[in-house]
Amino acid sequence: MAGNTPPRPNKPRGQSREDRLKSALKANLARRKAQARARADEAGNKDDKEQE
């Protein structure tokens, strides 16, 4: 029976998939919030300049 390999034991190597996804989601959310703040500040600065 060539090709039969025993199943590998599930050994945690570093972070689990769930932990990696959680940290990636958190980083993505922080990045998007920063972008939204930057856009809001930029829009606010344009409005101030137009009123002068």
Protein backbone atom coordinates (compact mmCIF):
# COMPACT_ATOMS: atom_id res chain seq x y z
CA MET A 1 0.00 0.00 0.00
CA ALA A 2 2.22 2.76 -1.27
CA GLY A 3 1.19 6.31 -0.48
CA ASN A 4 -0.42 5.61 2.87
CA THR A 5 1.03 7.93 5.46
CA PRO A 6 -0.03 8.09 9.06
CA PRO A 7 -2.00 11.20 10.01
CA ARG A 8 0.10 13.94 11.47
CA PRO A 9 -0.59 14.97 15.04
CA ASN A 10 -1.92 18.51 15.41
CA LYS A 11 0.96 20.32 17.04
CA PRO A 12 0.55 24.02 17.68
CA ARG A 13 3.35 25.79 15.87
CA GLY A 14 3.59 29.34 17.12
CA GLN A 15 0.26 31.10 16.80
CA SER A 16 -2.88 29.25 15.87
CA ARG A 17 -4.75 30.20 12.73
CA GLU A 18 -7.47 31.83 14.79
CA ASP A 19 -4.95 33.99 16.66
CA ARG A 20 -3.29 35.06 13.42
CA LEU A 21 -6.63 35.99 11.88
CA LYS A 22 -7.64 37.90 14.98
CA SER A 23 -4.44 39.96 14.99
CA ALA A 24 -4.68 40.59 11.24
CA LEU A 25 -8.26 41.80 11.62
CA LYS A 26 -7.29 44.09 14.49
CA ALA A 27 -4.41 45.57 12.47
CA ASN A 28 -6.65 46.06 9.44
CA LEU A 29 -9.30 47.82 11.52
CA ALA A 30 -6.70 50.13 13.07
CA ARG A 31 -5.32 50.97 9.62
CA ARG A 32 -8.78 51.73 8.23
CA LYS A 33 -9.63 53.94 11.22
CA ALA A 34 -6.39 55.88 10.71
CA GLN A 35 -7.22 56.35 7.03
CA ALA A 36 -10.72 57.57 7.87
CA ARG A 37 -9.32 60.06 10.41
CA ALA A 38 -6.81 61.34 7.85
CA ARG A 39 -9.53 61.80 5.24
CA ALA A 40 -11.76 63.61 7.74
CA ASP A 41 -8.91 65.93 8.73
CA GLU A 42 -8.11 66.59 5.09
CA ALA A 43 -11.76 67.37 4.32
CA GLY A 44 -11.91 69.66 7.35
CA ASN A 45 -8.83 71.54 6.22
CA LYS A 46 -10.27 72.05 2.72
CA ASP A 47 -13.49 73.49 4.18
CA ASP A 48 -11.52 75.93 6.35
CA LYS A 49 -9.49 77.18 3.38
CA GLU A 50 -12.59 77.72 1.22
CA GLN A 51 -14.24 79.88 3.89
CA GLU A 52 -11.34 82.35 4.04
